[in-house]
PDB file of all heavy atoms in Angstrom:
ATOM      1  N   ALA A   1      28.753 -19.575  35.101  1.00  0.00           N
ATOM      2  CA  ALA A   1      28.073 -20.082  36.324  1.00  0.00           C
ATOM      3  C   ALA A   1      28.524 -21.615  36.437  1.00  0.00           C
ATOM      4  O   ALA A   1      27.773 -22.583  36.272  1.00  0.00           O
ATOM      5  CB  ALA A   1      26.649 -20.117  36.079  1.00  0.00           C
ATOM      6  N   PRO A   2      29.848 -21.827  36.936  1.00  0.00           N
ATOM      7  CA  PRO A   2      30.358 -23.206  37.186  1.00  0.00           C
ATOM      8  C   PRO A   2      29.567 -23.893  38.132  1.00  0.00           C
ATOM      9  O   PRO A   2      29.441 -25.157  38.056  1.00  0.00           O
ATOM     10  CB  PRO A   2      31.814 -22.961  37.438  1.00  0.00           C
ATOM     11  CG  PRO A   2      31.889 -21.507  37.927  1.00  0.00           C
ATOM     12  CD  PRO A   2      30.912 -20.848  37.061  1.00  0.00           C
ATOM     13  N   GLU A   3      29.017 -23.247  39.184  1.00  0.00           N
ATOM     14  CA  GLU A   3      28.210 -23.973  40.221  1.00  0.00           C
ATOM     15  C   GLU A   3      26.711 -24.078  39.812  1.00  0.00           C
ATOM     16  O   GLU A   3      25.928 -24.563  40.272  1.00  0.00           O
ATOM     17  CB  GLU A   3      28.328 -23.226  41.588  1.00  0.00           C
ATOM     18  CG  GLU A   3      29.713 -23.272  42.165  1.00  0.00           C
ATOM     19  CD  GLU A   3      29.658 -22.578  43.561  1.00  0.00           C
ATOM     20  OE1 GLU A   3      28.597 -22.084  43.985  1.00  0.00           O
ATOM     21  OE2 GLU A   3      30.692 -22.520  44.127  1.00  0.00           O
ATOM     22  N   GLY A   4      26.382 -23.347  38.689  1.00  0.00           N
ATOM     23  CA  GLY A   4      25.005 -23.317  38.268  1.00  0.00           C
ATOM     24  C   GLY A   4      24.268 -22.067  38.249  1.00  0.00           C
ATOM     25  O   GLY A   4      24.634 -21.093  38.969  1.00  0.00           O
ATOM     26  N   ALA A   5      23.154 -22.017  37.473  1.00  0.00           N
ATOM     27  CA  ALA A   5      22.285 -20.960  37.399  1.00  0.00           C
ATOM     28  C   ALA A   5      20.924 -21.454  37.014  1.00  0.00           C
ATOM     29  O   ALA A   5      20.896 -22.645  36.537  1.00  0.00           O
ATOM     30  CB  ALA A   5      22.736 -19.818  36.421  1.00  0.00           C
ATOM     31  N   VAL A   6      19.801 -20.767  37.236  1.00  0.00           N
ATOM     32  CA  VAL A   6      18.567 -21.302  36.991  1.00  0.00           C
ATOM     33  C   VAL A   6      17.672 -20.553  36.125  1.00  0.00           C
ATOM     34  O   VAL A   6      17.638 -19.188  36.268  1.00  0.00           O
ATOM     35  CB  VAL A   6      17.806 -21.696  38.433  1.00  0.00           C
ATOM     36  CG1 VAL A   6      17.445 -20.475  39.146  1.00  0.00           C
ATOM     37  CG2 VAL A   6      16.602 -22.475  38.190  1.00  0.00           C
ATOM     38  N   VAL A   7      16.785 -21.006  35.289  1.00  0.00           N
ATOM     39  CA  VAL A   7      15.865 -20.229  34.560  1.00  0.00           C
ATOM     40  C   VAL A   7      14.573 -21.161  34.647  1.00  0.00           C
ATOM     41  O   VAL A   7      14.575 -22.377  34.544  1.00  0.00           O
ATOM     42  CB  VAL A   7      16.353 -20.088  33.080  1.00  0.00           C
ATOM     43  CG1 VAL A   7      16.596 -21.411  32.352  1.00  0.00           C
ATOM     44  CG2 VAL A   7      15.371 -19.214  32.197  1.00  0.00           C
ATOM     45  N   LYS A   8      13.442 -20.406  34.631  1.00  0.00           N
ATOM     46  CA  LYS A   8      12.177 -20.987  34.547  1.00  0.00           C
ATOM     47  C   LYS A   8      11.819 -21.185  33.012  1.00  0.00           C
ATOM     48  O   LYS A   8      11.256 -20.285  32.349  1.00  0.00           O
ATOM     49  CB  LYS A   8      11.070 -20.137  35.228  1.00  0.00           C
ATOM     50  CG  LYS A   8       9.804 -20.872  35.488  1.00  0.00           C
ATOM     51  CD  LYS A   8       8.779 -20.058  36.284  1.00  0.00           C
ATOM     52  CE  LYS A   8       7.473 -20.772  36.509  1.00  0.00           C
ATOM     53  NZ  LYS A   8       6.686 -19.958  37.545  1.00  0.00           N
ATOM     54  N   GLN A   9      12.241 -22.297  32.397  1.00  0.00           N
ATOM     55  CA  GLN A   9      12.223 -22.480  31.069  1.00  0.00           C
ATOM     56  C   GLN A   9      10.850 -22.555  30.480  1.00  0.00           C
ATOM     57  O   GLN A   9      10.633 -22.146  29.309  1.00  0.00           O
ATOM     58  CB  GLN A   9      13.023 -23.805  30.642  1.00  0.00           C
ATOM     59  CG  GLN A   9      12.430 -25.120  31.329  1.00  0.00           C
ATOM     60  CD  GLN A   9      13.148 -26.269  30.773  1.00  0.00           C
ATOM     61  OE1 GLN A   9      13.876 -26.156  29.715  1.00  0.00           O
ATOM     62  NE2 GLN A   9      13.100 -27.410  31.525  1.00  0.00           N
ATOM     63  N   THR A  10       9.906 -22.959  31.286  1.00  0.00           N
ATOM     64  CA  THR A  10       8.524 -23.040  30.779  1.00  0.00           C
ATOM     65  C   THR A  10       7.831 -21.602  30.549  1.00  0.00           C
ATOM     66  O   THR A  10       6.765 -21.474  29.950  1.00  0.00           O
ATOM     67  CB  THR A  10       7.582 -23.832  31.743  1.00  0.00           C
ATOM     68  OG1 THR A  10       7.749 -23.196  33.135  1.00  0.00           O
ATOM     69  CG2 THR A  10       8.003 -25.270  31.846  1.00  0.00           C
ATOM     70  N   ALA A  11       8.655 -20.519  31.050  1.00  0.00           N
ATOM     71  CA  ALA A  11       8.142 -19.175  30.857  1.00  0.00           C
ATOM     72  C   ALA A  11       8.864 -18.400  29.788  1.00  0.00           C
ATOM     73  O   ALA A  11       8.745 -17.227  29.673  1.00  0.00           O
ATOM     74  CB  ALA A  11       8.205 -18.502  32.183  1.00  0.00           C
ATOM     75  N   VAL A  12       9.802 -19.047  29.048  1.00  0.00           N
ATOM     76  CA  VAL A  12      10.575 -18.431  27.995  1.00  0.00           C
ATOM     77  C   VAL A  12      10.034 -18.761  26.631  1.00  0.00           C
ATOM     78  O   VAL A  12       9.745 -19.879  26.345  1.00  0.00           O
ATOM     79  CB  VAL A  12      12.051 -19.025  28.084  1.00  0.00           C
ATOM     80  CG1 VAL A  12      12.934 -18.317  27.065  1.00  0.00           C
ATOM     81  CG2 VAL A  12      12.584 -18.785  29.500  1.00  0.00           C
ATOM     82  N   ALA A  13       9.820 -17.781  25.852  1.00  0.00           N
ATOM     83  CA  ALA A  13       9.328 -17.979  24.424  1.00  0.00           C
ATOM     84  C   ALA A  13      10.415 -18.688  23.627  1.00  0.00           C
ATOM     85  O   ALA A  13      11.653 -18.623  23.817  1.00  0.00           O
ATOM     86  CB  ALA A  13       9.178 -16.507  23.789  1.00  0.00           C
ATOM     87  N   PRO A  14       9.962 -19.586  22.729  1.00  0.00           N
ATOM     88  CA  PRO A  14      10.889 -20.399  21.857  1.00  0.00           C
ATOM     89  C   PRO A  14      11.989 -19.596  21.208  1.00  0.00           C
ATOM     90  O   PRO A  14      13.140 -19.959  21.039  1.00  0.00           O
ATOM     91  CB  PRO A  14       9.953 -21.036  20.868  1.00  0.00           C
ATOM     92  CG  PRO A  14       8.567 -21.085  21.513  1.00  0.00           C
ATOM     93  CD  PRO A  14       8.521 -19.943  22.295  1.00  0.00           C
ATOM     94  N   SER A  15      11.680 -18.300  20.704  1.00  0.00           N
ATOM     95  CA  SER A  15      12.668 -17.489  20.092  1.00  0.00           C
ATOM     96  C   SER A  15      13.902 -17.054  21.092  1.00  0.00           C
ATOM     97  O   SER A  15      14.856 -16.718  20.513  1.00  0.00           O
ATOM     98  CB  SER A  15      11.950 -16.217  19.487  1.00  0.00           C
ATOM     99  OG  SER A  15      11.420 -15.533  20.625  1.00  0.00           O
ATOM    100  N   MET A  16      13.576 -17.088  22.351  1.00  0.00           N
ATOM    101  CA  MET A  16      14.629 -16.714  23.220  1.00  0.00           C
ATOM    102  C   MET A  16      15.293 -17.835  23.951  1.00  0.00           C
ATOM    103  O   MET A  16      16.177 -17.634  24.849  1.00  0.00           O
ATOM    104  CB  MET A  16      14.117 -15.688  24.201  1.00  0.00           C
ATOM    105  CG  MET A  16      13.788 -14.379  23.532  1.00  0.00           C
ATOM    106  SD  MET A  16      15.144 -13.439  22.903  1.00  0.00           S
ATOM    107  CE  MET A  16      16.021 -13.005  24.385  1.00  0.00           C
ATOM    108  N   ARG A  17      15.017 -19.023  23.565  1.00  0.00           N
ATOM    109  CA  ARG A  17      15.613 -20.257  24.308  1.00  0.00           C
ATOM    110  C   ARG A  17      17.126 -20.330  24.113  1.00  0.00           C
ATOM    111  O   ARG A  17      17.882 -20.997  24.800  1.00  0.00           O
ATOM    112  CB  ARG A  17      14.844 -21.502  23.957  1.00  0.00           C
ATOM    113  CG  ARG A  17      13.410 -21.449  24.582  1.00  0.00           C
ATOM    114  CD  ARG A  17      12.627 -22.617  24.214  1.00  0.00           C
ATOM    115  NE  ARG A  17      13.224 -23.900  24.672  1.00  0.00           N
ATOM    116  CZ  ARG A  17      13.088 -24.367  25.819  1.00  0.00           C
ATOM    117  NH1 ARG A  17      12.406 -23.629  26.828  1.00  0.00           N
ATOM    118  NH2 ARG A  17      13.593 -25.515  26.319  1.00  0.00           N
ATOM    119  N   ARG A  18      17.536 -19.810  22.876  1.00  0.00           N
ATOM    120  CA  ARG A  18      19.012 -19.669  22.542  1.00  0.00           C
ATOM    121  C   ARG A  18      19.143 -18.269  22.241  1.00  0.00           C
ATOM    122  O   ARG A  18      18.492 -17.642  21.333  1.00  0.00           O
ATOM    123  CB  ARG A  18      19.452 -20.502  21.363  1.00  0.00           C
ATOM    124  CG  ARG A  18      19.603 -21.946  21.790  1.00  0.00           C
ATOM    125  CD  ARG A  18      20.220 -22.735  20.641  1.00  0.00           C
ATOM    126  NE  ARG A  18      20.432 -24.136  21.073  1.00  0.00           N
ATOM    127  CZ  ARG A  18      19.669 -25.219  20.960  1.00  0.00           C
ATOM    128  NH1 ARG A  18      18.509 -25.004  20.292  1.00  0.00           N
ATOM    129  NH2 ARG A  18      19.956 -26.433  21.278  1.00  0.00           N
ATOM    130  N   HIS A  19      20.118 -17.511  22.963  1.00  0.00           N
ATOM    131  CA  HIS A  19      20.216 -16.091  22.599  1.00  0.00           C
ATOM    132  C   HIS A  19      21.816 -15.671  22.934  1.00  0.00           C
ATOM    133  O   HIS A  19      22.392 -16.186  23.797  1.00  0.00           O
ATOM    134  CB  HIS A  19      19.421 -15.364  23.633  1.00  0.00           C
ATOM    135  CG  HIS A  19      19.503 -13.868  23.449  1.00  0.00           C
ATOM    136  ND1 HIS A  19      19.005 -13.230  22.328  1.00  0.00           N
ATOM    137  CD2 HIS A  19      20.029 -12.882  24.213  1.00  0.00           C
ATOM    138  CE1 HIS A  19      19.252 -11.908  22.438  1.00  0.00           C
ATOM    139  NE2 HIS A  19      19.954 -11.636  23.476  1.00  0.00           N
ATOM    140  N   ARG A  20      22.176 -14.893  21.983  1.00  0.00           N
ATOM    141  CA  ARG A  20      23.503 -14.268  22.185  1.00  0.00           C
ATOM    142  C   ARG A  20      23.344 -12.728  22.023  1.00  0.00           C
ATOM    143  O   ARG A  20      22.824 -12.345  21.023  1.00  0.00           O
ATOM    144  CB  ARG A  20      24.415 -14.898  20.976  1.00  0.00           C
ATOM    145  CG  ARG A  20      25.826 -14.228  20.899  1.00  0.00           C
ATOM    146  CD  ARG A  20      26.658 -14.838  19.904  1.00  0.00           C
ATOM    147  NE  ARG A  20      27.866 -14.048  19.403  1.00  0.00           N
ATOM    148  CZ  ARG A  20      29.017 -14.240  20.114  1.00  0.00           C
ATOM    149  NH1 ARG A  20      29.049 -15.082  21.105  1.00  0.00           N
ATOM    150  NH2 ARG A  20      30.068 -13.503  19.714  1.00  0.00           N
ATOM    151  N   GLY A  21      23.897 -11.998  22.984  1.00  0.00           N
ATOM    152  CA  GLY A  21      23.789 -10.658  22.972  1.00  0.00           C
ATOM    153  C   GLY A  21      24.679  -9.936  23.834  1.00  0.00           C
ATOM    154  O   GLY A  21      25.405 -10.492  24.601  1.00  0.00           O
ATOM    155  N   PRO A  22      24.898  -8.622  23.637  1.00  0.00           N
ATOM    156  CA  PRO A  22      25.866  -7.897  24.403  1.00  0.00           C
ATOM    157  C   PRO A  22      25.460  -7.547  25.833  1.00  0.00           C
ATOM    158  O   PRO A  22      24.297  -7.272  25.947  1.00  0.00           O
ATOM    159  CB  PRO A  22      25.940  -6.520  23.581  1.00  0.00           C
ATOM    160  CG  PRO A  22      24.619  -6.399  22.879  1.00  0.00           C
ATOM    161  CD  PRO A  22      24.182  -7.834  22.615  1.00  0.00           C
ATOM    162  N   ALA A  23      26.376  -7.585  26.685  1.00  0.00           N
ATOM    163  CA  ALA A  23      26.004  -7.320  28.111  1.00  0.00           C
ATOM    164  C   ALA A  23      25.733  -5.831  28.379  1.00  0.00           C
ATOM    165  O   ALA A  23      26.412  -5.032  27.735  1.00  0.00           O
ATOM    166  CB  ALA A  23      27.085  -7.807  28.931  1.00  0.00           C
ATOM    167  N   ARG A  24      24.718  -5.601  29.236  1.00  0.00           N
ATOM    168  CA  ARG A  24      24.501  -4.224  29.744  1.00  0.00           C
ATOM    169  C   ARG A  24      24.651  -4.414  31.208  1.00  0.00           C
ATOM    170  O   ARG A  24      23.727  -5.062  31.957  1.00  0.00           O
ATOM    171  CB  ARG A  24      23.140  -3.660  29.330  1.00  0.00           C
ATOM    172  CG  ARG A  24      22.966  -3.414  27.871  1.00  0.00           C
ATOM    173  CD  ARG A  24      23.977  -2.297  27.474  1.00  0.00           C
ATOM    174  NE  ARG A  24      23.807  -1.059  28.179  1.00  0.00           N
ATOM    175  CZ  ARG A  24      22.788  -0.141  27.865  1.00  0.00           C
ATOM    176  NH1 ARG A  24      21.934  -0.456  26.959  1.00  0.00           N
ATOM    177  NH2 ARG A  24      22.599   0.936  28.604  1.00  0.00           N
ATOM    178  N   VAL A  25      25.649  -3.815  31.882  1.00  0.00           N
ATOM    179  CA  VAL A  25      25.961  -4.376  33.183  1.00  0.00           C
ATOM    180  C   VAL A  25      25.618  -3.342  34.268  1.00  0.00           C
ATOM    181  O   VAL A  25      25.838  -2.016  34.183  1.00  0.00           O
ATOM    182  CB  VAL A  25      27.515  -4.549  33.323  1.00  0.00           C
ATOM    183  CG1 VAL A  25      27.935  -5.067  34.810  1.00  0.00           C
ATOM    184  CG2 VAL A  25      28.082  -5.566  32.304  1.00  0.00           C
ATOM    185  N   PHE A  26      24.962  -3.792  35.372  1.00  0.00           N
ATOM    186  CA  PHE A  26      24.557  -2.987  36.510  1.00  0.00           C
ATOM    187  C   PHE A  26      24.935  -3.573  37.740  1.00  0.00           C
ATOM    188  O   PHE A  26      24.888  -4.808  38.005  1.00  0.00           O
ATOM    189  CB  PHE A  26      22.947  -2.736  36.371  1.00  0.00           C
ATOM    190  CG  PHE A  26      22.532  -2.240  35.026  1.00  0.00           C
ATOM    191  CD1 PHE A  26      22.089  -3.084  34.143  1.00  0.00           C
ATOM    192  CD2 PHE A  26      22.536  -0.930  34.822  1.00  0.00           C
ATOM    193  CE1 PHE A  26      21.655  -2.653  32.868  1.00  0.00           C
ATOM    194  CE2 PHE A  26      22.094  -0.327  33.586  1.00  0.00           C
ATOM    195  CZ  PHE A  26      21.713  -1.207  32.616  1.00  0.00           C
ATOM    196  N   ASP A  27      25.269  -2.694  38.766  1.00  0.00           N
ATOM    197  CA  ASP A  27      25.638  -3.243  40.030  1.00  0.00           C
ATOM    198  C   ASP A  27      24.466  -3.219  41.062  1.00  0.00           C
ATOM    199  O   ASP A  27      24.691  -3.349  42.265  1.00  0.00           O
ATOM    200  CB  ASP A  27      26.765  -2.379  40.599  1.00  0.00           C
ATOM    201  CG  ASP A  27      28.163  -2.708  39.951  1.00  0.00           C
ATOM    202  OD1 ASP A  27      28.171  -3.738  39.249  1.00  0.00           O
ATOM    203  OD2 ASP A  27      29.104  -1.805  39.990  1.00  0.00           O
ATOM    204  N   SER A  28      23.296  -2.943  40.572  1.00  0.00           N
ATOM    205  CA  SER A  28      22.069  -2.942  41.413  1.00  0.00           C
ATOM    206  C   SER A  28      20.847  -2.932  40.573  1.00  0.00           C
ATOM    207  O   SER A  28      20.834  -2.525  39.460  1.00  0.00           O
ATOM    208  CB  SER A  28      22.044  -1.753  42.464  1.00  0.00           C
ATOM    209  OG  SER A  28      21.705  -0.564  41.646  1.00  0.00           O
ATOM    210  N   GLN A  29      19.716  -3.471  41.226  1.00  0.00           N
ATOM    211  CA  GLN A  29      18.427  -3.501  40.556  1.00  0.00           C
ATOM    212  C   GLN A  29      18.079  -1.962  40.287  1.00  0.00           C
ATOM    213  O   GLN A  29      17.451  -1.788  39.150  1.00  0.00           O
ATOM    214  CB  GLN A  29      17.424  -4.096  41.511  1.00  0.00           C
ATOM    215  CG  GLN A  29      16.054  -4.090  41.055  1.00  0.00           C
ATOM    216  CD  GLN A  29      15.084  -4.700  41.847  1.00  0.00           C
ATOM    217  OE1 GLN A  29      14.322  -5.488  41.548  1.00  0.00           O
ATOM    218  NE2 GLN A  29      15.071  -4.456  43.183  1.00  0.00           N
ATOM    219  N   GLU A  30      18.239  -1.092  41.133  1.00  0.00           N
ATOM    220  CA  GLU A  30      17.813   0.320  40.887  1.00  0.00           C
ATOM    221  C   GLU A  30      18.422   0.940  39.606  1.00  0.00           C
ATOM    222  O   GLU A  30      17.647   1.605  38.889  1.00  0.00           O
ATOM    223  CB  GLU A  30      18.079   1.146  42.151  1.00  0.00           C
ATOM    224  CG  GLU A  30      17.160   0.896  43.437  1.00  0.00           C
ATOM    225  CD  GLU A  30      17.731  -0.348  44.166  1.00  0.00           C
ATOM    226  OE1 GLU A  30      18.695  -1.022  43.768  1.00  0.00           O
ATOM    227  OE2 GLU A  30      17.093  -0.730  45.314  1.00  0.00           O
ATOM    228  N   GLU A  31      19.657   0.718  39.505  1.00  0.00           N
ATOM    229  CA  GLU A  31      20.311   1.250  38.337  1.00  0.00           C
ATOM    230  C   GLU A  31      19.709   0.623  37.053  1.00  0.00           C
ATOM    231  O   GLU A  31      19.454   1.347  35.990  1.00  0.00           O
ATOM    232  CB  GLU A  31      21.830   0.934  38.304  1.00  0.00           C
ATOM    233  CG  GLU A  31      22.649   1.521  39.312  1.00  0.00           C
ATOM    234  CD  GLU A  31      24.076   0.979  39.421  1.00  0.00           C
ATOM    235  OE1 GLU A  31      24.610   0.540  38.210  1.00  0.00           O
ATOM    236  OE2 GLU A  31      24.735   0.882  40.385  1.00  0.00           O
ATOM    237  N   ALA A  32      19.388  -0.638  36.983  1.00  0.00           N
ATOM    238  CA  ALA A  32      18.741  -1.320  35.859  1.00  0.00           C
ATOM    239  C   ALA A  32      17.344  -0.720  35.542  1.00  0.00           C
ATOM    240  O   ALA A  32      17.034  -0.363  34.415  1.00  0.00           O
ATOM    241  CB  ALA A  32      18.662  -2.727  36.069  1.00  0.00           C
ATOM    242  N   VAL A  33      16.561  -0.562  36.621  1.00  0.00           N
ATOM    243  CA  VAL A  33      15.150  -0.001  36.462  1.00  0.00           C
ATOM    244  C   VAL A  33      15.204   1.347  35.900  1.00  0.00           C
ATOM    245  O   VAL A  33      14.532   1.692  34.877  1.00  0.00           O
ATOM    246  CB  VAL A  33      14.351  -0.116  37.718  1.00  0.00           C
ATOM    247  CG1 VAL A  33      13.101   0.622  37.557  1.00  0.00           C
ATOM    248  CG2 VAL A  33      14.128  -1.490  38.068  1.00  0.00           C
ATOM    249  N   GLU A  34      16.122   2.210  36.311  1.00  0.00           N
ATOM    250  CA  GLU A  34      16.161   3.607  35.851  1.00  0.00           C
ATOM    251  C   GLU A  34      16.520   3.630  34.375  1.00  0.00           C
ATOM    252  O   GLU A  34      15.934   4.301  33.589  1.00  0.00           O
ATOM    253  CB  GLU A  34      17.234   4.316  36.667  1.00  0.00           C
ATOM    254  CG  GLU A  34      17.422   5.726  36.196  1.00  0.00           C
ATOM    255  CD  GLU A  34      18.522   6.473  37.016  1.00  0.00           C
ATOM    256  OE1 GLU A  34      18.820   5.857  38.149  1.00  0.00           O
ATOM    257  OE2 GLU A  34      18.869   7.540  36.667  1.00  0.00           O
ATOM    258  N   THR A  35      17.458   2.772  34.036  1.00  0.00           N
ATOM    259  CA  THR A  35      17.893   2.624  32.586  1.00  0.00           C
ATOM    260  C   THR A  35      16.866   2.152  31.642  1.00  0.00           C
ATOM    261  O   THR A  35      16.606   2.671  30.564  1.00  0.00           O
ATOM    262  CB  THR A  35      19.203   1.804  32.354  1.00  0.00           C
ATOM    263  OG1 THR A  35      20.211   2.284  33.269  1.00  0.00           O
ATOM    264  CG2 THR A  35      19.652   1.829  31.015  1.00  0.00           C
ATOM    265  N   ILE A  36      16.151   1.213  32.081  1.00  0.00           N
ATOM    266  CA  ILE A  36      14.940   0.584  31.272  1.00  0.00           C
ATOM    267  C   ILE A  36      13.856   1.550  31.177  1.00  0.00           C
ATOM    268  O   ILE A  36      13.448   1.952  29.937  1.00  0.00           O
ATOM    269  CB  ILE A  36      14.354  -0.659  32.013  1.00  0.00           C
ATOM    270  CG1 ILE A  36      15.454  -1.782  32.067  1.00  0.00           C
ATOM    271  CG2 ILE A  36      13.238  -1.153  31.247  1.00  0.00           C
ATOM    272  CD1 ILE A  36      14.998  -2.927  33.040  1.00  0.00           C
ATOM    273  N   LEU A  37      13.484   2.337  32.196  1.00  0.00           N
ATOM    274  CA  LEU A  37      12.463   3.356  32.098  1.00  0.00           C
ATOM    275  C   LEU A  37      12.733   4.514  31.226  1.00  0.00           C
ATOM    276  O   LEU A  37      12.008   5.135  30.625  1.00  0.00           O
ATOM    277  CB  LEU A  37      12.017   3.734  33.521  1.00  0.00           C
ATOM    278  CG  LEU A  37      11.238   2.731  34.342  1.00  0.00           C
ATOM    279  CD1 LEU A  37      10.946   3.287  35.693  1.00  0.00           C
ATOM    280  CD2 LEU A  37       9.999   2.284  33.577  1.00  0.00           C
TER     281      LEU A  37
END
């Protein structure tokens, strides 16, 4: 995000303020919801 990205930091638990993890990539919201459910 060279131009920037935003997070509502006051809504993030301390344990997740720094996180490293593998990407699970989706090209739409619908694909992501189906996979989560």
